[in-house]
């Protein structure tokens, strides 16, 4: 017990050099400082995803909706 996995050690090594906090905290702080920027980034990514999905857009939408539900259950 107490033994950390390789990925856990790698993650901790990277975030300790980036800012000393996990990426989720850094992202949350940045998002509160510039919410419009993040909205534009995600809207652009959504448009790109829609363009690449083509006729399968509804499958992408279902996967996204599943991810939102699962994310809220395990938050």
PDB file of N, CA and C in Angstrom:
ATOM      1  N   UNK A   1       0.834  -1.175   0.000  1.00  0.00           N
ATOM      2  CA  UNK A   1       0.000   0.000   0.000  1.00  0.00           C
ATOM      3  C   UNK A   1       0.880   1.240   0.000  1.00  0.00           C
ATOM      4  N   UNK A   2       0.424   2.307  -0.620  1.00  0.00           N
ATOM      5  CA  UNK A   2       1.196   3.540  -0.658  1.00  0.00           C
ATOM      6  C   UNK A   2       2.135   3.613  -1.852  1.00  0.00           C
ATOM      7  N   UNK A   3       2.227   2.524  -2.582  1.00  0.00           N
ATOM      8  CA  UNK A   3       3.100   2.512  -3.748  1.00  0.00           C
ATOM      9  C   UNK A   3       2.370   3.162  -4.913  1.00  0.00           C
ATOM     10  N   UNK A   4       3.027   4.151  -5.507  1.00  0.00           N
ATOM     11  CA  UNK A   4       2.412   4.892  -6.599  1.00  0.00           C
ATOM     12  C   UNK A   4       2.749   4.258  -7.937  1.00  0.00           C
ATOM     13  N   UNK A   5       1.813   4.329  -8.868  1.00  0.00           N
ATOM     14  CA  UNK A   5       2.039   3.754 -10.184  1.00  0.00           C
ATOM     15  C   UNK A   5       2.979   4.650 -10.984  1.00  0.00           C
ATOM     16  N   UNK A   6       3.462   4.102 -12.074  1.00  0.00           N
ATOM     17  CA  UNK A   6       4.359   4.853 -12.950  1.00  0.00           C
ATOM     18  C   UNK A   6       3.666   6.105 -13.487  1.00  0.00           C
ATOM     19  N   UNK A   7       2.404   5.949 -13.931  1.00  0.00           N
ATOM     20  CA  UNK A   7       1.676   7.104 -14.461  1.00  0.00           C
ATOM     21  C   UNK A   7       1.440   8.157 -13.382  1.00  0.00           C
ATOM     22  N   UNK A   8       1.184   7.724 -12.165  1.00  0.00           N
ATOM     23  CA  UNK A   8       1.004   8.672 -11.060  1.00  0.00           C
ATOM     24  C   UNK A   8       2.271   9.460 -10.786  1.00  0.00           C
ATOM     25  N   UNK A   9       3.402   8.786 -10.804  1.00  0.00           N
ATOM     26  CA  UNK A   9       4.682   9.471 -10.601  1.00  0.00           C
ATOM     27  C   UNK A   9       4.980  10.435 -11.740  1.00  0.00           C
ATOM     28  N   UNK A  10       4.694   9.996 -12.980  1.00  0.00           N
ATOM     29  CA  UNK A  10       4.929  10.849 -14.137  1.00  0.00           C
ATOM     30  C   UNK A  10       4.042  12.087 -14.072  1.00  0.00           C
ATOM     31  N   UNK A  11       2.780  11.906 -13.750  1.00  0.00           N
ATOM     32  CA  UNK A  11       1.841  13.029 -13.651  1.00  0.00           C
ATOM     33  C   UNK A  11       2.311  14.022 -12.592  1.00  0.00           C
ATOM     34  N   UNK A  12       2.691  13.508 -11.430  1.00  0.00           N
ATOM     35  CA  UNK A  12       3.145  14.379 -10.350  1.00  0.00           C
ATOM     36  C   UNK A  12       4.420  15.125 -10.732  1.00  0.00           C
ATOM     37  N   UNK A  13       5.333  14.462 -11.438  1.00  0.00           N
ATOM     38  CA  UNK A  13       6.572  15.103 -11.870  1.00  0.00           C
ATOM     39  C   UNK A  13       6.270  16.252 -12.831  1.00  0.00           C
ATOM     40  N   UNK A  14       5.344  16.020 -13.762  1.00  0.00           N
ATOM     41  CA  UNK A  14       5.026  17.052 -14.750  1.00  0.00           C
ATOM     42  C   UNK A  14       4.324  18.229 -14.096  1.00  0.00           C
ATOM     43  N   UNK A  15       3.291  17.992 -13.284  1.00  0.00           N
ATOM     44  CA  UNK A  15       2.557  19.129 -12.728  1.00  0.00           C
ATOM     45  C   UNK A  15       3.331  19.855 -11.662  1.00  0.00           C
ATOM     46  N   UNK A  16       4.295  19.209 -11.038  1.00  0.00           N
ATOM     47  CA  UNK A  16       5.106  19.925 -10.053  1.00  0.00           C
ATOM     48  C   UNK A  16       6.033  20.923 -10.739  1.00  0.00           C
ATOM     49  N   UNK A  17       6.403  20.649 -11.982  1.00  0.00           N
ATOM     50  CA  UNK A  17       7.244  21.580 -12.735  1.00  0.00           C
ATOM     51  C   UNK A  17       6.432  22.665 -13.420  1.00  0.00           C
ATOM     52  N   UNK A  18       5.179  22.376 -13.729  1.00  0.00           N
ATOM     53  CA  UNK A  18       4.347  23.327 -14.454  1.00  0.00           C
ATOM     54  C   UNK A  18       3.834  24.430 -13.524  1.00  0.00           C
ATOM     55  N   UNK A  19       3.425  24.088 -12.339  1.00  0.00           N
ATOM     56  CA  UNK A  19       2.881  25.112 -11.455  1.00  0.00           C
ATOM     57  C   UNK A  19       2.686  24.637 -10.030  1.00  0.00           C
ATOM     58  N   UNK A  20       3.025  23.399  -9.769  1.00  0.00           N
ATOM     59  CA  UNK A  20       2.880  22.870  -8.422  1.00  0.00           C
ATOM     60  C   UNK A  20       1.462  22.449  -8.073  1.00  0.00           C
ATOM     61  N   UNK A  21       0.577  22.482  -9.052  1.00  0.00           N
ATOM     62  CA  UNK A  21      -0.809  22.079  -8.829  1.00  0.00           C
ATOM     63  C   UNK A  21      -1.225  21.127  -9.939  1.00  0.00           C
ATOM     64  N   UNK A  22      -2.233  20.293  -9.667  1.00  0.00           N
ATOM     65  CA  UNK A  22      -2.766  19.427 -10.738  1.00  0.00           C
ATOM     66  C   UNK A  22      -3.347  20.266 -11.873  1.00  0.00           C
ATOM     67  N   UNK A  23      -3.362  19.691 -13.078  1.00  0.00           N
ATOM     68  CA  UNK A  23      -3.843  20.406 -14.260  1.00  0.00           C
ATOM     69  C   UNK A  23      -5.283  20.850 -14.117  1.00  0.00           C
ATOM     70  N   UNK A  24      -6.094  20.083 -13.380  1.00  0.00           N
ATOM     71  CA  UNK A  24      -7.493  20.462 -13.225  1.00  0.00           C
ATOM     72  C   UNK A  24      -7.618  21.785 -12.475  1.00  0.00           C
ATOM     73  N   UNK A  25      -6.790  21.989 -11.455  1.00  0.00           N
ATOM     74  CA  UNK A  25      -6.835  23.246 -10.713  1.00  0.00           C
ATOM     75  C   UNK A  25      -6.328  24.405 -11.552  1.00  0.00           C
ATOM     76  N   UNK A  26      -5.247  24.184 -12.284  1.00  0.00           N
ATOM     77  CA  UNK A  26      -4.697  25.236 -13.146  1.00  0.00           C
ATOM     78  C   UNK A  26      -5.721  25.630 -14.196  1.00  0.00           C
ATOM     79  N   UNK A  27      -6.354  24.646 -14.819  1.00  0.00           N
ATOM     80  CA  UNK A  27      -7.362  24.918 -15.843  1.00  0.00           C
ATOM     81  C   UNK A  27      -8.549  25.667 -15.246  1.00  0.00           C
ATOM     82  N   UNK A  28      -9.000  25.264 -14.078  1.00  0.00           N
ATOM     83  CA  UNK A  28     -10.135  25.925 -13.441  1.00  0.00           C
ATOM     84  C   UNK A  28      -9.818  27.386 -13.134  1.00  0.00           C
ATOM     85  N   UNK A  29      -8.610  27.663 -12.646  1.00  0.00           N
ATOM     86  CA  UNK A  29      -8.223  29.040 -12.353  1.00  0.00           C
ATOM     87  C   UNK A  29      -8.154  29.872 -13.623  1.00  0.00           C
ATOM     88  N   UNK A  30      -7.586  29.308 -14.673  1.00  0.00           N
ATOM     89  CA  UNK A  30      -7.486  30.042 -15.934  1.00  0.00           C
ATOM     90  C   UNK A  30      -8.861  30.276 -16.542  1.00  0.00           C
ATOM     91  N   UNK A  31      -9.750  29.297 -16.407  1.00  0.00           N
ATOM     92  CA  UNK A  31     -11.084  29.424 -16.976  1.00  0.00           C
ATOM     93  C   UNK A  31     -11.864  30.531 -16.280  1.00  0.00           C
ATOM     94  N   UNK A  32     -11.670  30.703 -14.972  1.00  0.00           N
ATOM     95  CA  UNK A  32     -12.383  31.776 -14.282  1.00  0.00           C
ATOM     96  C   UNK A  32     -11.826  33.150 -14.643  1.00  0.00           C
ATOM     97  N   UNK A  33     -10.556  33.209 -15.050  1.00  0.00           N
ATOM     98  CA  UNK A  33      -9.959  34.492 -15.449  1.00  0.00           C
ATOM     99  C   UNK A  33     -10.392  34.906 -16.851  1.00  0.00           C
ATOM    100  N   UNK A  34     -10.540  33.946 -17.752  1.00  0.00           N
ATOM    101  CA  UNK A  34     -10.881  34.253 -19.147  1.00  0.00           C
ATOM    102  C   UNK A  34     -11.913  33.267 -19.679  1.00  0.00           C
ATOM    103  N   UNK A  35     -13.154  33.363 -19.203  1.00  0.00           N
ATOM    104  CA  UNK A  35     -14.165  32.390 -19.645  1.00  0.00           C
ATOM    105  C   UNK A  35     -14.493  32.485 -21.135  1.00  0.00           C
ATOM    106  N   UNK A  36     -14.453  33.691 -21.701  1.00  0.00           N
ATOM    107  CA  UNK A  36     -14.765  33.855 -23.116  1.00  0.00           C
ATOM    108  C   UNK A  36     -13.755  33.115 -23.989  1.00  0.00           C
ATOM    109  N   UNK A  37     -12.501  33.163 -23.613  1.00  0.00           N
ATOM    110  CA  UNK A  37     -11.465  32.459 -24.366  1.00  0.00           C
ATOM    111  C   UNK A  37     -11.737  30.958 -24.388  1.00  0.00           C
ATOM    112  N   UNK A  38     -12.082  30.408 -23.244  1.00  0.00           N
ATOM    113  CA  UNK A  38     -12.357  28.977 -23.181  1.00  0.00           C
ATOM    114  C   UNK A  38     -13.618  28.623 -23.961  1.00  0.00           C
ATOM    115  N   UNK A  39     -14.626  29.502 -23.927  1.00  0.00           N
ATOM    116  CA  UNK A  39     -15.833  29.249 -24.707  1.00  0.00           C
ATOM    117  C   UNK A  39     -15.515  29.237 -26.198  1.00  0.00           C
ATOM    118  N   UNK A  40     -14.670  30.160 -26.639  1.00  0.00           N
ATOM    119  CA  UNK A  40     -14.284  30.203 -28.049  1.00  0.00           C
ATOM    120  C   UNK A  40     -13.460  28.979 -28.443  1.00  0.00           C
ATOM    121  N   UNK A  41     -12.563  28.558 -27.567  1.00  0.00           N
ATOM    122  CA  UNK A  41     -11.745  27.370 -27.845  1.00  0.00           C
ATOM    123  C   UNK A  41     -12.632  26.139 -28.002  1.00  0.00           C
ATOM    124  N   UNK A  42     -13.539  25.937 -27.053  1.00  0.00           N
ATOM    125  CA  UNK A  42     -14.392  24.745 -27.110  1.00  0.00           C
ATOM    126  C   UNK A  42     -15.405  24.814 -28.239  1.00  0.00           C
ATOM    127  N   UNK A  43     -15.879  26.019 -28.552  1.00  0.00           N
ATOM    128  CA  UNK A  43     -16.785  26.151 -29.700  1.00  0.00           C
ATOM    129  C   UNK A  43     -16.037  25.803 -30.985  1.00  0.00           C
ATOM    130  N   UNK A  44     -14.801  26.281 -31.117  1.00  0.00           N
ATOM    131  CA  UNK A  44     -13.994  25.948 -32.294  1.00  0.00           C
ATOM    132  C   UNK A  44     -13.725  24.462 -32.403  1.00  0.00           C
ATOM    133  N   UNK A  45     -13.410  23.832 -31.274  1.00  0.00           N
ATOM    134  CA  UNK A  45     -13.185  22.385 -31.281  1.00  0.00           C
ATOM    135  C   UNK A  45     -14.468  21.638 -31.650  1.00  0.00           C
ATOM    136  N   UNK A  46     -15.601  22.132 -31.172  1.00  0.00           N
ATOM    137  CA  UNK A  46     -16.877  21.512 -31.526  1.00  0.00           C
ATOM    138  C   UNK A  46     -17.170  21.632 -33.006  1.00  0.00           C
ATOM    139  N   UNK A  47     -16.890  22.797 -33.582  1.00  0.00           N
ATOM    140  CA  UNK A  47     -17.105  22.988 -35.022  1.00  0.00           C
ATOM    141  C   UNK A  47     -16.201  22.065 -35.826  1.00  0.00           C
ATOM    142  N   UNK A  48     -14.919  21.968 -35.417  1.00  0.00           N
ATOM    143  CA  UNK A  48     -13.999  21.061 -36.114  1.00  0.00           C
ATOM    144  C   UNK A  48     -14.463  19.612 -36.012  1.00  0.00           C
ATOM    145  N   UNK A  49     -14.899  19.224 -34.828  1.00  0.00           N
ATOM    146  CA  UNK A  49     -15.377  17.861 -34.630  1.00  0.00           C
ATOM    147  C   UNK A  49     -16.598  17.593 -35.507  1.00  0.00           C
ATOM    148  N   UNK A  50     -17.498  18.558 -35.578  1.00  0.00           N
ATOM    149  CA  UNK A  50     -18.678  18.405 -36.416  1.00  0.00           C
ATOM    150  C   UNK A  50     -18.293  18.270 -37.889  1.00  0.00           C
ATOM    151  N   UNK A  51     -17.319  19.066 -38.332  1.00  0.00           N
ATOM    152  CA  UNK A  51     -16.887  19.005 -39.731  1.00  0.00           C
ATOM    153  C   UNK A  51     -16.254  17.648 -40.057  1.00  0.00           C
ATOM    154  N   UNK A  52     -15.459  17.112 -39.122  1.00  0.00           N
ATOM    155  CA  UNK A  52     -14.814  15.818 -39.357  1.00  0.00           C
ATOM    156  C   UNK A  52     -15.791  14.653 -39.213  1.00  0.00           C
ATOM    157  N   UNK A  53     -16.819  14.820 -38.391  1.00  0.00           N
ATOM    158  CA  UNK A  53     -17.769  13.732 -38.153  1.00  0.00           C
ATOM    159  C   UNK A  53     -18.674  13.518 -39.360  1.00  0.00           C
ATOM    160  N   UNK A  54     -19.008  14.587 -40.062  1.00  0.00           N
ATOM    161  CA  UNK A  54     -19.858  14.458 -41.247  1.00  0.00           C
ATOM    162  C   UNK A  54     -21.215  13.894 -40.925  1.00  0.00           C
ATOM    163  N   UNK A  55     -21.562  12.810 -41.591  1.00  0.00           N
ATOM    164  CA  UNK A  55     -22.887  12.201 -41.410  1.00  0.00           C
ATOM    165  C   UNK A  55     -23.016  11.464 -40.081  1.00  0.00           C
ATOM    166  N   UNK A  56     -21.913  11.221 -39.412  1.00  0.00           N
ATOM    167  CA  UNK A  56     -21.959  10.507 -38.132  1.00  0.00           C
ATOM    168  C   UNK A  56     -22.024  11.457 -36.943  1.00  0.00           C
ATOM    169  N   UNK A  57     -22.508  12.675 -37.138  1.00  0.00           N
ATOM    170  CA  UNK A  57     -22.554  13.664 -36.076  1.00  0.00           C
ATOM    171  C   UNK A  57     -23.383  13.185 -34.898  1.00  0.00           C
ATOM    172  N   UNK A  58     -24.439  12.421 -35.157  1.00  0.00           N
ATOM    173  CA  UNK A  58     -25.306  11.970 -34.070  1.00  0.00           C
ATOM    174  C   UNK A  58     -24.602  10.958 -33.171  1.00  0.00           C
ATOM    175  N   UNK A  59     -23.678  10.171 -33.738  1.00  0.00           N
ATOM    176  CA  UNK A  59     -22.903   9.232 -32.919  1.00  0.00           C
ATOM    177  C   UNK A  59     -21.969   9.990 -31.988  1.00  0.00           C
ATOM    178  N   UNK A  60     -21.347  11.039 -32.509  1.00  0.00           N
ATOM    179  CA  UNK A  60     -20.468  11.871 -31.694  1.00  0.00           C
ATOM    180  C   UNK A  60     -21.273  12.528 -30.570  1.00  0.00           C
ATOM    181  N   UNK A  61     -22.460  12.996 -30.898  1.00  0.00           N
ATOM    182  CA  UNK A  61     -23.323  13.622 -29.899  1.00  0.00           C
ATOM    183  C   UNK A  61     -23.710  12.631 -28.808  1.00  0.00           C
ATOM    184  N   UNK A  62     -24.010  11.391 -29.174  1.00  0.00           N
ATOM    185  CA  UNK A  62     -24.354  10.372 -28.172  1.00  0.00           C
ATOM    186  C   UNK A  62     -23.173  10.056 -27.263  1.00  0.00           C
ATOM    187  N   UNK A  63     -21.988   9.952 -27.843  1.00  0.00           N
ATOM    188  CA  UNK A  63     -20.794   9.678 -27.037  1.00  0.00           C
ATOM    189  C   UNK A  63     -20.522  10.844 -26.092  1.00  0.00           C
ATOM    190  N   UNK A  64     -20.676  12.066 -26.582  1.00  0.00           N
ATOM    191  CA  UNK A  64     -20.483  13.233 -25.737  1.00  0.00           C
ATOM    192  C   UNK A  64     -21.486  13.251 -24.589  1.00  0.00           C
ATOM    193  N   UNK A  65     -22.751  12.980 -24.890  1.00  0.00           N
ATOM    194  CA  UNK A  65     -23.789  12.965 -23.862  1.00  0.00           C
ATOM    195  C   UNK A  65     -23.495  11.883 -22.819  1.00  0.00           C
ATOM    196  N   UNK A  66     -23.044  10.719 -23.276  1.00  0.00           N
ATOM    197  CA  UNK A  66     -22.667   9.652 -22.339  1.00  0.00           C
ATOM    198  C   UNK A  66     -21.526  10.118 -21.444  1.00  0.00           C
ATOM    199  N   UNK A  67     -20.547  10.801 -22.021  1.00  0.00           N
ATOM    200  CA  UNK A  67     -19.423  11.310 -21.238  1.00  0.00           C
ATOM    201  C   UNK A  67     -19.856  12.329 -20.203  1.00  0.00           C
ATOM    202  N   UNK A  68     -20.807  13.184 -20.555  1.00  0.00           N
ATOM    203  CA  UNK A  68     -21.307  14.179 -19.613  1.00  0.00           C
ATOM    204  C   UNK A  68     -22.009  13.487 -18.437  1.00  0.00           C
ATOM    205  N   UNK A  69     -22.831  12.511 -18.757  1.00  0.00           N
ATOM    206  CA  UNK A  69     -23.558  11.788 -17.699  1.00  0.00           C
ATOM    207  C   UNK A  69     -22.580  11.062 -16.784  1.00  0.00           C
ATOM    208  N   UNK A  70     -21.648  10.338 -17.347  1.00  0.00           N
ATOM    209  CA  UNK A  70     -20.666   9.593 -16.539  1.00  0.00           C
ATOM    210  C   UNK A  70     -19.814  10.555 -15.723  1.00  0.00           C
ATOM    211  N   UNK A  71     -19.421  11.678 -16.337  1.00  0.00           N
ATOM    212  CA  UNK A  71     -18.636  12.669 -15.611  1.00  0.00           C
ATOM    213  C   UNK A  71     -19.369  13.242 -14.413  1.00  0.00           C
ATOM    214  N   UNK A  72     -20.669  13.452 -14.555  1.00  0.00           N
ATOM    215  CA  UNK A  72     -21.440  13.970 -13.425  1.00  0.00           C
ATOM    216  C   UNK A  72     -21.664  12.920 -12.348  1.00  0.00           C
ATOM    217  N   UNK A  73     -21.772  11.677 -12.745  1.00  0.00           N
ATOM    218  CA  UNK A  73     -21.961  10.614 -11.753  1.00  0.00           C
ATOM    219  C   UNK A  73     -20.716  10.462 -10.889  1.00  0.00           C
ATOM    220  N   UNK A  74     -19.534  10.525 -11.499  1.00  0.00           N
ATOM    221  CA  UNK A  74     -18.298  10.289 -10.762  1.00  0.00           C
ATOM    222  C   UNK A  74     -17.604  11.568 -10.303  1.00  0.00           C
ATOM    223  N   UNK A  75     -18.252  12.719 -10.404  1.00  0.00           N
ATOM    224  CA  UNK A  75     -17.650  13.977  -9.962  1.00  0.00           C
ATOM    225  C   UNK A  75     -17.642  13.966  -8.481  1.00  0.00           C
TER     226      UNK A  75
END
